[in-house]
Amino acid sequence: MKREELGDLMAFLAVAEEKSFTKAAARLGTSQSSLSLIIKRLEERLGLRLLTRTTRSLAPTAAGEQLLSTLSPALGNIEAQLSALSEFRDKPAGSFRITAGEHAIETLLWPKLSTFLRDYPDIKVELVADSAMTDIVADRFDAGVRLGDQVEKDMIAVRIGPLARMIVVAAPSCFKEMPPPATPQELTAHRCINIRLPSYGGFYAWEFERDGQEVRVRVDGQVAFNGVPQLIQAALDGYGLAFVHEDVVRKYIDDGRLIRVLDDWSQPFPGYHLYYPSRRHPSPAFTMLVEALKADHPLKQKDQG
């Protein structure tokens, strides 16, 4: 195969995966016009239409889908093998993409990576904040972060955080006219702050457990958000009860700005796990990255001098 033919196939892979010439051009660091000419050249050489284009959408044809299903794992394996060659370097190197929610990035990933990456300047990491249930294989991520009970069975999962807990909190003003709820079911009588999660497709139903009894409650209120920082601010402003990770509001509980309720219904559950495909052959650099992120892993600074 000629060098330019391999380049044409990589260009097609990018366009087919991104379903956009604009996004694919940005991914490859080229122009849309150049990419369009490459795809046209590839289609003429094969004598097949690989992409169906309209003014609003772009999708692979049947022939394009078949080529895509062959190229994606093949080129992915080549990338993995090239990455594995880093073990022959004096310094570990590699580029890795990780998808995770903002909470996991802020509280776990970045605090550990900010130290790790200073020690290994040839390792590059892209963190993509996304709360949806991303398919890391289809979207070409090296790893993802989810709560332990959400990781698919065919993935390798590594615990990177402690047990988690969701709690109900509210500003003291919320209980001036109505006492705090004694059971989850009583939440329906209170103003609550909803959050819309992409992974659920709608407002999140609050989940509780006590003595083996599980309860899910759909709440209602005046405001709703799709971001946790905004939800917490609304709770501080007295707009209702909120259901949030305990660690992100602990300081507000300590200073009295928020009150915790239904504490006996808030049970701990498996915290964040880093996960990646079990069939992946991890490079030395990726293995070091995983080790640095493991829960309770003591990050070591390089010896000075």
Protein backbone atom coordinates (compact mmCIF):
# COMPACT_ATOMS: atom_id res chain seq x y z
CA MET A 1 0.00 0.00 0.00
CA LYS A 2 1.27 3.44 -0.92
CA ARG A 3 1.78 6.01 1.82
CA GLU A 4 -0.89 8.35 0.45
CA GLU A 5 -3.41 5.49 0.32
CA LEU A 6 -2.98 4.87 4.05
CA GLY A 7 -3.40 8.59 4.63
CA ASP A 8 -6.62 8.56 2.60
CA LEU A 9 -8.00 5.71 4.71
CA MET A 10 -7.16 7.55 7.93
CA ALA A 11 -8.93 10.63 6.56
CA PHE A 12 -12.04 8.57 5.75
CA LEU A 13 -11.98 7.06 9.25
CA ALA A 14 -11.93 10.52 10.83
CA VAL A 15 -14.81 11.82 8.69
CA ALA A 16 -16.92 8.69 9.21
CA GLU A 17 -16.42 8.72 12.99
CA GLU A 18 -16.98 12.44 13.41
CA LYS A 19 -19.84 12.53 10.85
CA SER A 20 -18.57 15.98 9.94
CA PHE A 21 -15.90 17.36 7.62
CA THR A 22 -15.44 20.31 9.98
CA LYS A 23 -14.79 18.18 13.07
CA ALA A 24 -12.65 15.70 11.14
CA ALA A 25 -10.53 18.50 9.67
CA ALA A 26 -9.95 19.91 13.17
CA ARG A 27 -9.03 16.44 14.44
CA LEU A 28 -6.52 15.89 11.63
CA GLY A 29 -5.19 19.45 11.57
CA THR A 30 -6.10 20.09 7.94
CA SER A 31 -8.67 22.08 5.96
CA GLN A 32 -12.18 20.99 5.00
CA SER A 33 -11.45 21.49 1.31
CA SER A 34 -8.35 19.28 1.44
CA LEU A 35 -10.27 16.61 3.32
CA SER A 36 -13.10 16.72 0.79
CA LEU A 37 -10.63 16.21 -2.06
CA ILE A 38 -9.06 13.26 -0.25
CA ILE A 39 -12.41 11.53 0.21
CA LYS A 40 -13.34 12.18 -3.41
CA ARG A 41 -10.00 10.68 -4.52
CA LEU A 42 -10.54 7.60 -2.36
CA GLU A 43 -14.07 7.06 -3.67
CA GLU A 44 -12.87 7.39 -7.28
CA ARG A 45 -10.03 4.93 -6.69
CA LEU A 46 -12.40 2.36 -5.14
CA GLY A 47 -15.24 3.09 -7.56
CA LEU A 48 -17.64 3.28 -4.61
CA ARG A 49 -19.58 5.95 -2.80
CA LEU A 50 -18.43 5.81 0.82
CA LEU A 51 -20.33 8.73 2.32
CA THR A 52 -23.84 10.06 1.89
CA ARG A 53 -23.89 13.85 2.14
CA THR A 54 -26.83 16.20 2.59
CA THR A 55 -26.95 19.84 3.62
CA ARG A 56 -27.53 18.81 7.23
CA SER A 57 -25.98 15.39 7.71
CA LEU A 58 -23.21 13.06 6.68
CA ALA A 59 -23.20 9.29 7.14
CA PRO A 60 -21.35 6.26 5.72
CA THR A 61 -23.03 4.27 2.95
CA ALA A 62 -23.30 0.49 3.29
CA ALA A 63 -19.88 0.18 1.65
CA GLY A 64 -18.56 2.92 3.93
CA GLU A 65 -19.88 1.14 7.03
CA GLN A 66 -18.13 -2.06 5.99
CA LEU A 67 -14.84 -0.22 5.41
CA LEU A 68 -15.26 1.60 8.72
CA SER A 69 -15.83 -1.65 10.64
CA THR A 70 -12.55 -2.98 9.21
CA LEU A 71 -10.45 0.16 9.55
CA SER A 72 -11.42 1.20 13.08
CA PRO A 73 -10.07 -1.84 14.97
CA ALA A 74 -7.12 -2.26 12.59
CA LEU A 75 -5.86 1.31 12.92
CA GLY A 76 -6.69 1.30 16.63
CA ASN A 77 -4.47 -1.75 17.05
CA ILE A 78 -1.67 -0.05 15.12
CA GLU A 79 -1.93 2.99 17.40
CA ALA A 80 -1.81 0.74 20.47
CA GLN A 81 1.26 -1.07 19.17
CA LEU A 82 3.02 2.21 18.38
CA SER A 83 2.20 3.43 21.86
CA ALA A 84 3.62 0.22 23.32
CA LEU A 85 6.95 0.97 21.65
CA SER A 86 7.44 3.72 24.21
CA GLU A 87 8.88 1.10 26.57
CA PHE A 88 12.05 1.27 24.47
CA ARG A 89 12.38 5.01 25.14
CA ASP A 90 14.46 6.41 27.95
CA LYS A 91 11.36 8.29 29.13
CA PRO A 92 7.77 6.98 28.98
CA ALA A 93 5.66 8.77 26.39
CA GLY A 94 2.17 8.68 24.95
CA SER A 95 -1.03 10.64 24.38
CA PHE A 96 -4.21 9.57 26.13
CA ARG A 97 -7.85 10.76 26.01
CA ILE A 98 -10.03 10.23 29.08
CA THR A 99 -13.72 11.05 29.40
CA ALA A 100 -15.21 11.78 32.83
CA GLY A 101 -17.75 13.95 34.57
CA GLU A 102 -16.73 17.38 35.86
CA HIS A 103 -16.92 16.21 39.48
CA ALA A 104 -14.49 13.33 38.88
CA ILE A 105 -12.10 15.58 36.96
CA GLU A 106 -12.08 18.30 39.61
CA THR A 107 -11.89 16.10 42.70
CA LEU A 108 -9.81 13.11 41.57
CA LEU A 109 -8.26 13.19 38.11
CA TRP A 110 -6.70 16.63 37.95
CA PRO A 111 -5.36 16.73 41.55
CA LYS A 112 -3.41 13.54 40.84
CA LEU A 113 -2.49 14.27 37.21
CA SER A 114 -1.19 17.75 37.96
CA THR A 115 1.60 16.12 39.97
CA PHE A 116 2.12 13.08 37.75
CA LEU A 117 2.44 15.06 34.50
CA ARG A 118 5.14 17.34 35.89
CA ASP A 119 7.31 14.27 36.40
CA TYR A 120 6.63 12.86 32.91
CA PRO A 121 6.57 15.70 30.35
CA ASP A 122 6.40 13.28 27.39
CA ILE A 123 3.02 11.93 28.52
CA LYS A 124 0.07 13.96 27.26
CA VAL A 125 -3.48 13.70 28.60
CA GLU A 126 -6.72 15.15 27.22
CA LEU A 127 -9.58 15.25 29.74
CA VAL A 128 -13.05 15.55 28.21
CA ALA A 129 -15.81 16.55 30.65
CA ASP A 130 -19.01 14.67 29.79
CA SER A 131 -21.63 13.19 32.11
CA ALA A 132 -23.17 11.00 29.40
CA MET A 133 -22.55 7.26 29.21
CA THR A 134 -19.88 7.60 26.54
CA ASP A 135 -18.88 4.59 24.43
CA ILE A 136 -15.12 4.94 24.85
CA VAL A 137 -14.35 2.48 22.05
CA ALA A 138 -16.59 4.10 19.45
CA ASP A 139 -15.52 7.61 20.46
CA ARG A 140 -11.82 6.69 20.50
CA PHE A 141 -11.10 7.35 24.16
CA ASP A 142 -8.33 5.45 25.90
CA ALA A 143 -10.27 5.32 29.16
CA GLY A 144 -13.29 6.66 30.97
CA VAL A 145 -14.37 7.31 34.55
CA ARG A 146 -17.69 6.16 36.00
CA LEU A 147 -19.11 5.13 39.34
CA GLY A 148 -18.24 1.52 40.04
CA ASP A 149 -21.72 0.08 39.51
CA GLN A 150 -21.97 1.72 36.06
CA VAL A 151 -18.90 0.11 34.48
CA GLU A 152 -19.67 -2.47 31.78
CA LYS A 153 -18.67 -6.07 32.45
CA ASP A 154 -16.23 -6.35 29.53
CA MET A 155 -14.07 -3.48 30.81
CA ILE A 156 -11.11 -3.48 33.15
CA ALA A 157 -12.05 -1.25 36.09
CA VAL A 158 -9.63 0.30 38.57
CA ARG A 159 -10.88 2.09 41.68
CA ILE A 160 -9.54 5.64 41.78
CA GLY A 161 -11.66 7.13 44.56
CA PRO A 162 -13.25 6.33 47.93
CA LEU A 163 -16.83 5.24 48.51
CA ALA A 164 -19.28 7.92 47.39
CA ARG A 165 -22.46 9.24 48.97
CA MET A 166 -25.33 11.36 47.66
CA ILE A 167 -27.08 13.48 50.27
CA VAL A 168 -30.03 15.88 50.46
CA VAL A 169 -29.22 19.42 51.54
CA ALA A 170 -31.05 22.73 51.74
CA ALA A 171 -30.61 26.24 53.08
CA PRO A 172 -32.08 26.82 56.59
CA SER A 173 -34.69 29.16 55.07
CA CYS A 174 -36.32 26.18 53.31
CA PHE A 175 -37.56 24.84 56.66
CA LYS A 176 -39.09 27.99 58.13
CA GLU A 177 -42.60 27.09 57.00
CA MET A 178 -42.29 23.32 56.66
CA PRO A 179 -40.27 20.84 58.78
CA PRO A 180 -37.50 18.78 57.15
CA PRO A 181 -38.67 15.56 55.48
CA ALA A 182 -38.50 12.45 57.66
CA THR A 183 -38.78 10.00 54.74
CA PRO A 184 -37.89 10.21 51.03
CA GLN A 185 -41.59 10.15 50.13
CA GLU A 186 -42.09 13.46 51.98
CA LEU A 187 -39.81 15.18 49.45
CA THR A 188 -42.79 15.48 47.10
CA ALA A 189 -44.26 18.09 49.46
CA HIS A 190 -41.11 20.23 49.32
CA ARG A 191 -39.61 22.49 46.68
CA CYS A 192 -36.68 20.60 45.18
CA ILE A 193 -34.05 21.44 42.61
CA ASN A 194 -33.97 19.02 39.70
CA ILE A 195 -30.95 18.09 37.60
CA ARG A 196 -31.14 16.80 34.04
CA LEU A 197 -28.51 14.19 33.17
CA PRO A 198 -27.76 13.12 29.56
CA SER A 199 -27.31 9.52 30.68
CA TYR A 200 -30.88 9.42 32.02
CA GLY A 201 -32.56 11.39 29.23
CA GLY A 202 -34.60 13.40 31.71
CA PHE A 203 -34.67 14.60 35.31
CA TYR A 204 -32.76 12.35 37.67
CA ALA A 205 -34.90 10.40 40.16
CA TRP A 206 -33.37 10.66 43.62
CA GLU A 207 -32.26 7.26 44.96
CA PHE A 208 -32.29 6.23 48.63
CA GLU A 209 -31.72 3.08 50.66
CA ARG A 210 -32.19 2.04 54.30
CA ASP A 211 -32.23 -1.44 55.86
CA GLY A 212 -32.24 -3.00 52.39
CA GLN A 213 -35.23 -0.95 51.25
CA GLU A 214 -34.60 1.03 48.05
CA VAL A 215 -36.68 4.09 47.18
CA ARG A 216 -36.64 6.32 44.10
CA VAL A 217 -38.40 9.67 44.25
CA ARG A 218 -39.19 12.07 41.43
CA VAL A 219 -39.18 15.58 42.83
CA ASP A 220 -40.48 18.90 41.59
CA GLY A 221 -39.62 22.55 42.06
CA GLN A 222 -39.25 25.95 40.48
CA VAL A 223 -35.79 25.54 38.96
CA ALA A 224 -33.72 22.81 37.29
CA PHE A 225 -30.18 22.61 35.91
CA ASN A 226 -27.87 20.33 33.98
CA GLY A 227 -24.79 21.40 35.94
CA VAL A 228 -23.89 20.75 39.58
CA PRO A 229 -22.26 24.15 40.40
CA GLN A 230 -25.45 25.96 39.40
CA LEU A 231 -27.58 23.51 41.36
CA ILE A 232 -25.50 24.09 44.51
CA GLN A 233 -25.74 27.85 44.14
CA ALA A 234 -29.52 27.62 43.83
CA ALA A 235 -29.61 25.53 47.02
CA LEU A 236 -27.49 28.14 48.82
CA ASP A 237 -29.92 30.81 47.59
CA GLY A 238 -32.83 28.96 49.18
CA TYR A 239 -34.60 27.69 46.04
CA GLY A 240 -35.14 24.22 47.42
CA LEU A 241 -33.66 20.90 48.46
CA ALA A 242 -30.82 19.48 46.37
CA PHE A 243 -29.40 15.98 45.92
CA VAL A 244 -25.62 16.17 45.56
CA HIS A 245 -22.31 14.44 46.23
CA GLU A 246 -21.46 14.85 49.90
CA ASP A 247 -17.90 16.02 49.33
CA VAL A 248 -18.84 19.03 47.16
CA VAL A 249 -21.10 20.57 49.80
CA ARG A 250 -19.31 19.54 53.00
CA LYS A 251 -17.86 23.02 53.52
CA TYR A 252 -21.32 24.59 53.29
CA ILE A 253 -22.66 22.10 55.84
CA ASP A 254 -19.75 22.86 58.17
CA ASP A 255 -20.36 26.61 58.04
CA GLY A 256 -24.13 26.23 58.46
CA ARG A 257 -25.16 27.54 55.04
CA LEU A 258 -26.70 24.18 54.18
CA ILE A 259 -28.48 21.62 56.35
CA ARG A 260 -28.27 17.88 55.69
CA VAL A 261 -31.53 15.87 55.87
CA LEU A 262 -32.50 12.20 55.39
CA ASP A 263 -29.00 11.22 56.42
CA ASP A 264 -30.07 7.70 57.48
CA TRP A 265 -31.38 7.13 53.92
CA SER A 266 -28.05 8.12 52.29
CA GLN A 267 -25.94 5.00 51.99
CA PRO A 268 -22.39 4.84 50.55
CA PHE A 269 -21.88 3.17 47.18
CA PRO A 270 -18.89 2.27 44.94
CA GLY A 271 -17.02 5.44 44.01
CA TYR A 272 -15.27 6.41 40.81
CA HIS A 273 -13.45 3.81 38.72
CA LEU A 274 -11.18 4.29 35.72
CA TYR A 275 -12.13 1.78 33.03
CA TYR A 276 -10.71 0.70 29.67
CA PRO A 277 -11.20 -2.20 27.21
CA SER A 278 -10.00 -5.56 28.47
CA ARG A 279 -8.59 -6.41 25.04
CA ARG A 280 -6.31 -3.39 25.11
CA HIS A 281 -2.57 -4.07 25.54
CA PRO A 282 -1.58 -1.16 27.77
CA SER A 283 1.67 0.65 27.04
CA PRO A 284 4.13 1.31 29.88
CA ALA A 285 3.08 4.97 29.89
CA PHE A 286 -0.62 4.05 30.18
CA THR A 287 0.15 1.58 32.96
CA MET A 288 2.02 4.29 34.86
CA LEU A 289 -0.92 6.63 34.37
CA VAL A 290 -3.34 4.05 35.79
CA GLU A 291 -1.06 3.41 38.76
CA ALA A 292 -0.88 7.14 39.49
CA LEU A 293 -4.67 7.40 39.51
CA LYS A 294 -5.35 4.38 41.70
CA ALA A 295 -7.10 5.09 44.98
CA ASP A 296 -4.72 5.71 47.87
CA HIS A 297 -1.72 5.68 45.51
CA PRO A 298 1.04 7.90 46.96
CA LEU A 299 2.26 10.12 44.15
CA LYS A 300 6.03 10.33 44.36
CA GLN A 301 8.05 13.31 43.24
CA LYS A 302 11.21 12.57 41.32
CA ASP A 303 14.37 12.82 43.33
CA GLN A 304 15.81 16.30 43.11
CA GLY A 305 19.44 16.62 42.32
